[in-house]
Amino acid sequence: MAINPSIVIRNLGWRGFFQLLTHLPSFVKLFARLVKDPRVTALPKLVVLGILAYLVLPTDLVPDFIPGLGQADDLAVIVAGLKLFLRLCPADVVQEHLKRISAGK
């Protein structure tokens, strides 16, 4: 089934979030390919690095010991960061990778 990340990401409320989970393997492939693609500039790749740094570093917006809220802020950072990453990537490069993923390549 073909995915359109711009639609899923643009509407990333609960419905979009569940669509994202349904197509998680395809999204992981897409993000990995975009990070490796030399046509994607450094800025979007820095966004991914920032997401990873936020998750690894011990400081949080909301401490993780607060049940629910501590994990919700991590999820919000991931979703917002990936949304920004996709918006900063060239649309034609994203579409090219999506076609390859949908074709099973």
PDB file of N, CA and C in Angstrom:
ATOM      1  N   MET A   1       0.838  -1.167   0.000  1.00  0.00           N
ATOM      2  CA  MET A   1       0.000   0.000   0.000  1.00  0.00           C
ATOM      3  C   MET A   1       0.892   1.241   0.000  1.00  0.00           C
ATOM      4  N   ALA A   2       0.623   2.165  -0.897  1.00  0.00           N
ATOM      5  CA  ALA A   2       1.435   3.369  -1.000  1.00  0.00           C
ATOM      6  C   ALA A   2       1.127   4.313   0.151  1.00  0.00           C
ATOM      7  N   ILE A   3       2.154   4.966   0.630  1.00  0.00           N
ATOM      8  CA  ILE A   3       1.975   5.933   1.705  1.00  0.00           C
ATOM      9  C   ILE A   3       2.325   7.312   1.192  1.00  0.00           C
ATOM     10  N   ASN A   4       1.697   8.291   1.740  1.00  0.00           N
ATOM     11  CA  ASN A   4       2.005   9.669   1.402  1.00  0.00           C
ATOM     12  C   ASN A   4       2.361  10.379   2.701  1.00  0.00           C
ATOM     13  N   PRO A   5       3.669  10.503   2.981  1.00  0.00           N
ATOM     14  CA  PRO A   5       4.058  11.070   4.265  1.00  0.00           C
ATOM     15  C   PRO A   5       3.598  12.496   4.465  1.00  0.00           C
ATOM     16  N   SER A   6       3.482  13.257   3.384  1.00  0.00           N
ATOM     17  CA  SER A   6       3.074  14.647   3.564  1.00  0.00           C
ATOM     18  C   SER A   6       1.654  14.718   4.116  1.00  0.00           C
ATOM     19  N   ILE A   7       0.777  13.815   3.665  1.00  0.00           N
ATOM     20  CA  ILE A   7      -0.591  13.802   4.178  1.00  0.00           C
ATOM     21  C   ILE A   7      -0.609  13.304   5.614  1.00  0.00           C
ATOM     22  N   VAL A   8       0.117  12.224   5.876  1.00  0.00           N
ATOM     23  CA  VAL A   8       0.145  11.664   7.228  1.00  0.00           C
ATOM     24  C   VAL A   8       0.756  12.660   8.202  1.00  0.00           C
ATOM     25  N   ILE A   9       1.881  13.250   7.826  1.00  0.00           N
ATOM     26  CA  ILE A   9       2.567  14.180   8.721  1.00  0.00           C
ATOM     27  C   ILE A   9       1.760  15.465   8.907  1.00  0.00           C
ATOM     28  N   ARG A  10       1.169  15.975   7.829  1.00  0.00           N
ATOM     29  CA  ARG A  10       0.387  17.209   7.919  1.00  0.00           C
ATOM     30  C   ARG A  10      -0.787  17.032   8.877  1.00  0.00           C
ATOM     31  N   ASN A  11      -1.387  15.856   8.869  1.00  0.00           N
ATOM     32  CA  ASN A  11      -2.543  15.570   9.717  1.00  0.00           C
ATOM     33  C   ASN A  11      -2.147  14.697  10.899  1.00  0.00           C
ATOM     34  N   LEU A  12      -1.027  15.002  11.506  1.00  0.00           N
ATOM     35  CA  LEU A  12      -0.501  14.114  12.535  1.00  0.00           C
ATOM     36  C   LEU A  12      -1.183  14.336  13.884  1.00  0.00           C
ATOM     37  N   GLY A  13      -2.499  14.265  13.850  1.00  0.00           N
ATOM     38  CA  GLY A  13      -3.250  14.162  15.099  1.00  0.00           C
ATOM     39  C   GLY A  13      -3.250  12.679  15.450  1.00  0.00           C
ATOM     40  N   TRP A  14      -4.253  12.247  16.188  1.00  0.00           N
ATOM     41  CA  TRP A  14      -4.309  10.826  16.562  1.00  0.00           C
ATOM     42  C   TRP A  14      -4.475   9.940  15.341  1.00  0.00           C
ATOM     43  N   ARG A  15      -5.302  10.369  14.391  1.00  0.00           N
ATOM     44  CA  ARG A  15      -5.524   9.559  13.185  1.00  0.00           C
ATOM     45  C   ARG A  15      -4.224   9.400  12.396  1.00  0.00           C
ATOM     46  N   GLY A  16      -3.530  10.504  12.189  1.00  0.00           N
ATOM     47  CA  GLY A  16      -2.256  10.452  11.474  1.00  0.00           C
ATOM     48  C   GLY A  16      -1.219   9.645  12.227  1.00  0.00           C
ATOM     49  N   PHE A  17      -1.249   9.742  13.554  1.00  0.00           N
ATOM     50  CA  PHE A  17      -0.308   8.976  14.367  1.00  0.00           C
ATOM     51  C   PHE A  17      -0.531   7.482  14.179  1.00  0.00           C
ATOM     52  N   PHE A  18      -1.794   7.053  14.144  1.00  0.00           N
ATOM     53  CA  PHE A  18      -2.077   5.629  13.950  1.00  0.00           C
ATOM     54  C   PHE A  18      -1.739   5.189  12.527  1.00  0.00           C
ATOM     55  N   GLN A  19      -1.908   6.071  11.539  1.00  0.00           N
ATOM     56  CA  GLN A  19      -1.470   5.756  10.176  1.00  0.00           C
ATOM     57  C   GLN A  19       0.043   5.595  10.153  1.00  0.00           C
ATOM     58  N   LEU A  20       0.723   6.464  10.875  1.00  0.00           N
ATOM     59  CA  LEU A  20       2.176   6.370  10.960  1.00  0.00           C
ATOM     60  C   LEU A  20       2.586   5.025  11.554  1.00  0.00           C
ATOM     61  N   LEU A  21       1.922   4.598  12.614  1.00  0.00           N
ATOM     62  CA  LEU A  21       2.238   3.304  13.230  1.00  0.00           C
ATOM     63  C   LEU A  21       1.960   2.149  12.279  1.00  0.00           C
ATOM     64  N   THR A  22       0.873   2.246  11.516  1.00  0.00           N
ATOM     65  CA  THR A  22       0.524   1.195  10.563  1.00  0.00           C
ATOM     66  C   THR A  22       1.612   1.026   9.512  1.00  0.00           C
ATOM     67  N   HIS A  23       2.196   2.120   9.096  1.00  0.00           N
ATOM     68  CA  HIS A  23       3.214   2.096   8.042  1.00  0.00           C
ATOM     69  C   HIS A  23       4.617   2.301   8.599  1.00  0.00           C
ATOM     70  N   LEU A  24       4.815   1.998   9.865  1.00  0.00           N
ATOM     71  CA  LEU A  24       6.090   2.260  10.528  1.00  0.00           C
ATOM     72  C   LEU A  24       7.297   1.685   9.787  1.00  0.00           C
ATOM     73  N   PRO A  25       7.262   0.432   9.313  1.00  0.00           N
ATOM     74  CA  PRO A  25       8.438  -0.077   8.585  1.00  0.00           C
ATOM     75  C   PRO A  25       8.780   0.770   7.352  1.00  0.00           C
ATOM     76  N   SER A  26       7.753   1.220   6.634  1.00  0.00           N
ATOM     77  CA  SER A  26       8.002   2.060   5.455  1.00  0.00           C
ATOM     78  C   SER A  26       8.569   3.416   5.850  1.00  0.00           C
ATOM     79  N   PHE A  27       8.069   3.986   6.945  1.00  0.00           N
ATOM     80  CA  PHE A  27       8.592   5.268   7.404  1.00  0.00           C
ATOM     81  C   PHE A  27      10.036   5.148   7.873  1.00  0.00           C
ATOM     82  N   VAL A  28      10.354   4.062   8.551  1.00  0.00           N
ATOM     83  CA  VAL A  28      11.737   3.853   8.998  1.00  0.00           C
ATOM     84  C   VAL A  28      12.657   3.768   7.785  1.00  0.00           C
ATOM     85  N   LYS A  29      12.241   3.021   6.762  1.00  0.00           N
ATOM     86  CA  LYS A  29      13.035   2.936   5.525  1.00  0.00           C
ATOM     87  C   LYS A  29      13.177   4.313   4.891  1.00  0.00           C
ATOM     88  N   LEU A  30      12.072   5.054   4.828  1.00  0.00           N
ATOM     89  CA  LEU A  30      12.099   6.379   4.215  1.00  0.00           C
ATOM     90  C   LEU A  30      13.064   7.301   4.945  1.00  0.00           C
ATOM     91  N   PHE A  31      12.959   7.367   6.274  1.00  0.00           N
ATOM     92  CA  PHE A  31      13.838   8.250   7.032  1.00  0.00           C
ATOM     93  C   PHE A  31      15.297   7.825   6.899  1.00  0.00           C
ATOM     94  N   ALA A  32      15.563   6.523   6.930  1.00  0.00           N
ATOM     95  CA  ALA A  32      16.940   6.033   6.792  1.00  0.00           C
ATOM     96  C   ALA A  32      17.502   6.395   5.421  1.00  0.00           C
ATOM     97  N   ARG A  33      16.702   6.217   4.388  1.00  0.00           N
ATOM     98  CA  ARG A  33      17.170   6.543   3.032  1.00  0.00           C
ATOM     99  C   ARG A  33      17.403   8.039   2.864  1.00  0.00           C
ATOM    100  N   LEU A  34      16.518   8.846   3.436  1.00  0.00           N
ATOM    101  CA  LEU A  34      16.680  10.296   3.315  1.00  0.00           C
ATOM    102  C   LEU A  34      17.911  10.787   4.062  1.00  0.00           C
ATOM    103  N   VAL A  35      18.189  10.211   5.218  1.00  0.00           N
ATOM    104  CA  VAL A  35      19.383  10.610   5.974  1.00  0.00           C
ATOM    105  C   VAL A  35      20.643  10.264   5.192  1.00  0.00           C
ATOM    106  N   LYS A  36      20.638   9.138   4.484  1.00  0.00           N
ATOM    107  CA  LYS A  36      21.814   8.708   3.716  1.00  0.00           C
ATOM    108  C   LYS A  36      21.937   9.414   2.370  1.00  0.00           C
ATOM    109  N   ASP A  37      20.854   9.982   1.861  1.00  0.00           N
ATOM    110  CA  ASP A  37      20.839  10.569   0.520  1.00  0.00           C
ATOM    111  C   ASP A  37      21.661  11.859   0.492  1.00  0.00           C
ATOM    112  N   PRO A  38      22.649  11.948  -0.411  1.00  0.00           N
ATOM    113  CA  PRO A  38      23.479  13.157  -0.484  1.00  0.00           C
ATOM    114  C   PRO A  38      22.723  14.388  -1.000  1.00  0.00           C
ATOM    115  N   ARG A  39      21.554  14.193  -1.609  1.00  0.00           N
ATOM    116  CA  ARG A  39      20.778  15.337  -2.102  1.00  0.00           C
ATOM    117  C   ARG A  39      20.034  16.052  -0.975  1.00  0.00           C
ATOM    118  N   VAL A  40      19.952  15.412   0.176  1.00  0.00           N
ATOM    119  CA  VAL A  40      19.335  16.042   1.347  1.00  0.00           C
ATOM    120  C   VAL A  40      20.430  16.836   2.054  1.00  0.00           C
ATOM    121  N   THR A  41      20.167  18.115   2.270  1.00  0.00           N
ATOM    122  CA  THR A  41      21.181  18.999   2.856  1.00  0.00           C
ATOM    123  C   THR A  41      21.427  18.673   4.328  1.00  0.00           C
ATOM    124  N   ALA A  42      22.381  19.363   4.903  1.00  0.00           N
ATOM    125  CA  ALA A  42      22.775  19.103   6.291  1.00  0.00           C
ATOM    126  C   ALA A  42      21.703  19.509   7.300  1.00  0.00           C
ATOM    127  N   LEU A  43      20.930  20.547   7.015  1.00  0.00           N
ATOM    128  CA  LEU A  43      19.953  21.037   7.989  1.00  0.00           C
ATOM    129  C   LEU A  43      18.934  19.969   8.404  1.00  0.00           C
ATOM    130  N   PRO A  44      18.281  19.278   7.459  1.00  0.00           N
ATOM    131  CA  PRO A  44      17.350  18.228   7.892  1.00  0.00           C
ATOM    132  C   PRO A  44      18.048  17.120   8.685  1.00  0.00           C
ATOM    133  N   LYS A  45      19.260  16.815   8.319  1.00  0.00           N
ATOM    134  CA  LYS A  45      20.003  15.764   9.026  1.00  0.00           C
ATOM    135  C   LYS A  45      20.346  16.209  10.448  1.00  0.00           C
ATOM    136  N   LEU A  46      20.566  17.511  10.629  1.00  0.00           N
ATOM    137  CA  LEU A  46      20.803  18.040  11.977  1.00  0.00           C
ATOM    138  C   LEU A  46      19.547  17.933  12.847  1.00  0.00           C
ATOM    139  N   VAL A  47      18.387  18.037  12.214  1.00  0.00           N
ATOM    140  CA  VAL A  47      17.135  17.869  12.955  1.00  0.00           C
ATOM    141  C   VAL A  47      17.065  16.455  13.526  1.00  0.00           C
ATOM    142  N   VAL A  48      17.412  15.461  12.707  1.00  0.00           N
ATOM    143  CA  VAL A  48      17.413  14.068  13.173  1.00  0.00           C
ATOM    144  C   VAL A  48      18.429  13.897  14.300  1.00  0.00           C
ATOM    145  N   LEU A  49      19.585  14.498  14.144  1.00  0.00           N
ATOM    146  CA  LEU A  49      20.603  14.433  15.192  1.00  0.00           C
ATOM    147  C   LEU A  49      20.086  15.079  16.487  1.00  0.00           C
ATOM    148  N   GLY A  50      19.363  16.172  16.350  1.00  0.00           N
ATOM    149  CA  GLY A  50      18.774  16.831  17.513  1.00  0.00           C
ATOM    150  C   GLY A  50      17.749  15.953  18.219  1.00  0.00           C
ATOM    151  N   ILE A  51      16.942  15.242  17.445  1.00  0.00           N
ATOM    152  CA  ILE A  51      15.966  14.314  18.035  1.00  0.00           C
ATOM    153  C   ILE A  51      16.692  13.241  18.831  1.00  0.00           C
ATOM    154  N   LEU A  52      17.702  12.651  18.213  1.00  0.00           N
ATOM    155  CA  LEU A  52      18.455  11.586  18.891  1.00  0.00           C
ATOM    156  C   LEU A  52      19.135  12.116  20.150  1.00  0.00           C
ATOM    157  N   ALA A  53      19.695  13.321  20.067  1.00  0.00           N
ATOM    158  CA  ALA A  53      20.356  13.912  21.235  1.00  0.00           C
ATOM    159  C   ALA A  53      19.352  14.143  22.361  1.00  0.00           C
ATOM    160  N   TYR A  54      18.176  14.623  22.022  1.00  0.00           N
ATOM    161  CA  TYR A  54      17.150  14.868  23.040  1.00  0.00           C
ATOM    162  C   TYR A  54      16.773  13.568  23.747  1.00  0.00           C
ATOM    163  N   LEU A  55      16.674  12.488  22.975  1.00  0.00           N
ATOM    164  CA  LEU A  55      16.281  11.206  23.565  1.00  0.00           C
ATOM    165  C   LEU A  55      17.384  10.600  24.423  1.00  0.00           C
ATOM    166  N   VAL A  56      18.639  10.858  24.068  1.00  0.00           N
ATOM    167  CA  VAL A  56      19.768  10.256  24.783  1.00  0.00           C
ATOM    168  C   VAL A  56      20.164  11.069  26.016  1.00  0.00           C
ATOM    169  N   LEU A  57      20.092  12.387  25.909  1.00  0.00           N
ATOM    170  CA  LEU A  57      20.525  13.237  27.018  1.00  0.00           C
ATOM    171  C   LEU A  57      19.582  13.095  28.213  1.00  0.00           C
ATOM    172  N   PRO A  58      20.124  13.228  29.410  1.00  0.00           N
ATOM    173  CA  PRO A  58      19.300  13.002  30.607  1.00  0.00           C
ATOM    174  C   PRO A  58      18.288  14.111  30.910  1.00  0.00           C
ATOM    175  N   THR A  59      18.452  15.289  30.321  1.00  0.00           N
ATOM    176  CA  THR A  59      17.501  16.372  30.596  1.00  0.00           C
ATOM    177  C   THR A  59      16.285  16.238  29.685  1.00  0.00           C
ATOM    178  N   ASP A  60      15.128  16.572  30.219  1.00  0.00           N
ATOM    179  CA  ASP A  60      13.865  16.479  29.491  1.00  0.00           C
ATOM    180  C   ASP A  60      13.045  17.730  29.743  1.00  0.00           C
ATOM    181  N   LEU A  61      12.102  17.997  28.860  1.00  0.00           N
ATOM    182  CA  LEU A  61      11.149  19.077  29.121  1.00  0.00           C
ATOM    183  C   LEU A  61      10.288  18.721  30.330  1.00  0.00           C
ATOM    184  N   VAL A  62       9.836  17.472  30.350  1.00  0.00           N
ATOM    185  CA  VAL A  62       9.057  16.947  31.476  1.00  0.00           C
ATOM    186  C   VAL A  62       9.782  15.696  31.956  1.00  0.00           C
ATOM    187  N   PRO A  63      10.156  15.632  33.222  1.00  0.00           N
ATOM    188  CA  PRO A  63      10.893  14.460  33.712  1.00  0.00           C
ATOM    189  C   PRO A  63      10.130  13.155  33.480  1.00  0.00           C
ATOM    190  N   ASP A  64      10.875  12.105  33.123  1.00  0.00           N
ATOM    191  CA  ASP A  64      10.260  10.818  32.802  1.00  0.00           C
ATOM    192  C   ASP A  64       9.623  10.132  34.003  1.00  0.00           C
ATOM    193  N   PHE A  65       9.953  10.560  35.218  1.00  0.00           N
ATOM    194  CA  PHE A  65       9.350   9.900  36.378  1.00  0.00           C
ATOM    195  C   PHE A  65       7.884  10.310  36.579  1.00  0.00           C
ATOM    196  N   ILE A  66       7.417  11.316  35.843  1.00  0.00           N
ATOM    197  CA  ILE A  66       6.001  11.691  35.902  1.00  0.00           C
ATOM    198  C   ILE A  66       5.258  10.780  34.922  1.00  0.00           C
ATOM    199  N   PRO A  67       4.442   9.863  35.426  1.00  0.00           N
ATOM    200  CA  PRO A  67       3.789   8.870  34.560  1.00  0.00           C
ATOM    201  C   PRO A  67       2.971   9.510  33.442  1.00  0.00           C
ATOM    202  N   GLY A  68       3.186   9.028  32.249  1.00  0.00           N
ATOM    203  CA  GLY A  68       2.439   9.508  31.089  1.00  0.00           C
ATOM    204  C   GLY A  68       3.006  10.774  30.489  1.00  0.00           C
ATOM    205  N   LEU A  69       3.099  11.829  31.273  1.00  0.00           N
ATOM    206  CA  LEU A  69       3.595  13.108  30.755  1.00  0.00           C
ATOM    207  C   LEU A  69       5.070  13.041  30.390  1.00  0.00           C
ATOM    208  N   GLY A  70       5.836  12.315  31.159  1.00  0.00           N
ATOM    209  CA  GLY A  70       7.267  12.195  30.892  1.00  0.00           C
ATOM    210  C   GLY A  70       7.558  11.548  29.554  1.00  0.00           C
ATOM    211  N   GLN A  71       6.737  10.589  29.168  1.00  0.00           N
ATOM    212  CA  GLN A  71       6.913   9.928  27.884  1.00  0.00           C
ATOM    213  C   GLN A  71       6.224  10.711  26.761  1.00  0.00           C
ATOM    214  N   ALA A  72       5.163  11.427  27.099  1.00  0.00           N
ATOM    215  CA  ALA A  72       4.430  12.192  26.093  1.00  0.00           C
ATOM    216  C   ALA A  72       5.292  13.300  25.499  1.00  0.00           C
ATOM    217  N   ASP A  73       6.124  13.940  26.309  1.00  0.00           N
ATOM    218  CA  ASP A  73       6.976  14.996  25.758  1.00  0.00           C
ATOM    219  C   ASP A  73       8.021  14.405  24.819  1.00  0.00           C
ATOM    220  N   ASP A  74       8.523  13.213  25.133  1.00  0.00           N
ATOM    221  CA  ASP A  74       9.467  12.552  24.223  1.00  0.00           C
ATOM    222  C   ASP A  74       8.793  12.264  22.884  1.00  0.00           C
ATOM    223  N   LEU A  75       7.579  11.754  22.938  1.00  0.00           N
ATOM    224  CA  LEU A  75       6.828  11.460  21.720  1.00  0.00           C
ATOM    225  C   LEU A  75       6.565  12.735  20.925  1.00  0.00           C
ATOM    226  N   ALA A  76       6.229  13.812  21.618  1.00  0.00           N
ATOM    227  CA  ALA A  76       5.974  15.088  20.943  1.00  0.00           C
ATOM    228  C   ALA A  76       7.223  15.600  20.237  1.00  0.00           C
ATOM    229  N   VAL A  77       8.380  15.469  20.871  1.00  0.00           N
ATOM    230  CA  VAL A  77       9.641  15.899  20.251  1.00  0.00           C
ATOM    231  C   VAL A  77       9.932  15.047  19.016  1.00  0.00           C
ATOM    232  N   ILE A  78       9.716  13.744  19.114  1.00  0.00           N
ATOM    233  CA  ILE A  78       9.958  12.851  17.975  1.00  0.00           C
ATOM    234  C   ILE A  78       9.046  13.222  16.811  1.00  0.00           C
ATOM    235  N   VAL A  79       7.752  13.361  17.076  1.00  0.00           N
ATOM    236  CA  VAL A  79       6.786  13.666  16.017  1.00  0.00           C
ATOM    237  C   VAL A  79       7.081  15.026  15.390  1.00  0.00           C
ATOM    238  N   ALA A  80       7.298  16.044  16.206  1.00  0.00           N
ATOM    239  CA  ALA A  80       7.578  17.383  15.676  1.00  0.00           C
ATOM    240  C   ALA A  80       8.886  17.397  14.890  1.00  0.00           C
ATOM    241  N   GLY A  81       9.892  16.697  15.394  1.00  0.00           N
ATOM    242  CA  GLY A  81      11.178  16.650  14.704  1.00  0.00           C
ATOM    243  C   GLY A  81      11.100  15.938  13.367  1.00  0.00           C
ATOM    244  N   LEU A  82      10.398  14.811  13.324  1.00  0.00           N
ATOM    245  CA  LEU A  82      10.267  14.076  12.065  1.00  0.00           C
ATOM    246  C   LEU A  82       9.413  14.846  11.064  1.00  0.00           C
ATOM    247  N   LYS A  83       8.419  15.553  11.574  1.00  0.00           N
ATOM    248  CA  LYS A  83       7.590  16.402  10.716  1.00  0.00           C
ATOM    249  C   LYS A  83       8.454  17.493  10.077  1.00  0.00           C
ATOM    250  N   LEU A  84       9.282  18.137  10.884  1.00  0.00           N
ATOM    251  CA  LEU A  84      10.184  19.169  10.379  1.00  0.00           C
ATOM    252  C   LEU A  84      11.192  18.573   9.401  1.00  0.00           C
ATOM    253  N   PHE A  85      11.737  17.408   9.735  1.00  0.00           N
ATOM    254  CA  PHE A  85      12.695  16.733   8.858  1.00  0.00           C
ATOM    255  C   PHE A  85      12.099  16.512   7.468  1.00  0.00           C
ATOM    256  N   LEU A  86      10.881  15.965   7.408  1.00  0.00           N
ATOM    257  CA  LEU A  86      10.252  15.712   6.107  1.00  0.00           C
ATOM    258  C   LEU A  86       9.983  17.000   5.350  1.00  0.00           C
ATOM    259  N   ARG A  87       9.589  18.044   6.051  1.00  0.00           N
ATOM    260  CA  ARG A  87       9.315  19.321   5.377  1.00  0.00           C
ATOM    261  C   ARG A  87      10.587  19.958   4.823  1.00  0.00           C
ATOM    262  N   LEU A  88      11.717  19.720   5.472  1.00  0.00           N
ATOM    263  CA  LEU A  88      12.977  20.309   5.018  1.00  0.00           C
ATOM    264  C   LEU A  88      13.628  19.513   3.886  1.00  0.00           C
ATOM    265  N   CYS A  89      13.243  18.250   3.728  1.00  0.00           N
ATOM    266  CA  CYS A  89      13.806  17.428   2.651  1.00  0.00           C
ATOM    267  C   CYS A  89      13.179  17.835   1.323  1.00  0.00           C
ATOM    268  N   PRO A  90      13.953  17.794   0.234  1.00  0.00           N
ATOM    269  CA  PRO A  90      13.384  18.117  -1.079  1.00  0.00           C
ATOM    270  C   PRO A  90      12.230  17.162  -1.415  1.00  0.00           C
ATOM    271  N   ALA A  91      11.098  17.723  -1.822  1.00  0.00           N
ATOM    272  CA  ALA A  91       9.896  16.923  -2.084  1.00  0.00           C
ATOM    273  C   ALA A  91      10.129  15.867  -3.157  1.00  0.00           C
ATOM    274  N   ASP A  92      10.892  16.219  -4.201  1.00  0.00           N
ATOM    275  CA  ASP A  92      11.127  15.248  -5.271  1.00  0.00           C
ATOM    276  C   ASP A  92      11.957  14.063  -4.782  1.00  0.00           C
ATOM    277  N   VAL A  93      12.876  14.305  -3.874  1.00  0.00           N
ATOM    278  CA  VAL A  93      13.696  13.224  -3.316  1.00  0.00           C
ATOM    279  C   VAL A  93      12.830  12.322  -2.435  1.00  0.00           C
ATOM    280  N   VAL A  94      11.955  12.928  -1.648  1.00  0.00           N
ATOM    281  CA  VAL A  94      11.044  12.147  -0.800  1.00  0.00           C
ATOM    282  C   VAL A  94      10.151  11.273  -1.674  1.00  0.00           C
ATOM    283  N   GLN A  95       9.574  11.855  -2.719  1.00  0.00           N
ATOM    284  CA  GLN A  95       8.692  11.095  -3.612  1.00  0.00           C
ATOM    285  C   GLN A  95       9.436   9.962  -4.312  1.00  0.00           C
ATOM    286  N   GLU A  96      10.662  10.217  -4.715  1.00  0.00           N
ATOM    287  CA  GLU A  96      11.464   9.175  -5.366  1.00  0.00           C
ATOM    288  C   GLU A  96      11.672   7.981  -4.431  1.00  0.00           C
ATOM    289  N   HIS A  97      12.030   8.261  -3.205  1.00  0.00           N
ATOM    290  CA  HIS A  97      12.243   7.178  -2.239  1.00  0.00           C
ATOM    291  C   HIS A  97      10.934   6.460  -1.920  1.00  0.00           C
ATOM    292  N   LEU A  98       9.836   7.205  -1.845  1.00  0.00           N
ATOM    293  CA  LEU A  98       8.539   6.577  -1.586  1.00  0.00           C
ATOM    294  C   LEU A  98       8.158   5.608  -2.696  1.00  0.00           C
ATOM    295  N   LYS A  99       8.405   6.007  -3.939  1.00  0.00           N
ATOM    296  CA  LYS A  99       8.093   5.118  -5.068  1.00  0.00           C
ATOM    297  C   LYS A  99       8.915   3.845  -4.989  1.00  0.00           C
ATOM    298  N   ARG A 100      10.188   3.976  -4.656  1.00  0.00           N
ATOM    299  CA  ARG A 100      11.051   2.793  -4.542  1.00  0.00           C
ATOM    300  C   ARG A 100      10.601   1.883  -3.400  1.00  0.00           C
ATOM    301  N   ILE A 101      10.243   2.475  -2.279  1.00  0.00           N
ATOM    302  CA  ILE A 101       9.787   1.681  -1.133  1.00  0.00           C
ATOM    303  C   ILE A 101       8.481   0.971  -1.478  1.00  0.00           C
ATOM    304  N   SER A 102       7.556   1.687  -2.131  1.00  0.00           N
ATOM    305  CA  SER A 102       6.277   1.084  -2.517  1.00  0.00           C
ATOM    306  C   SER A 102       6.463  -0.041  -3.521  1.00  0.00           C
ATOM    307  N   ALA A 103       7.500   0.078  -4.362  1.00  0.00           N
ATOM    308  CA  ALA A 103       7.788  -0.961  -5.357  1.00  0.00           C
ATOM    309  C   ALA A 103       8.576  -2.121  -4.752  1.00  0.00           C
ATOM    310  N   GLY A 104       8.936  -1.996  -3.498  1.00  0.00           N
ATOM    311  CA  GLY A 104       9.674  -3.073  -2.833  1.00  0.00           C
ATOM    312  C   GLY A 104      11.160  -3.066  -3.107  1.00  0.00           C
ATOM    313  N   LYS A 105      11.681  -1.946  -3.545  1.00  0.00           N
ATOM    314  CA  LYS A 105      13.120  -1.847  -3.848  1.00  0.00           C
ATOM    315  C   LYS A 105      13.875  -1.271  -2.682  1.00  0.00           C
TER     316      LYS A 105
END
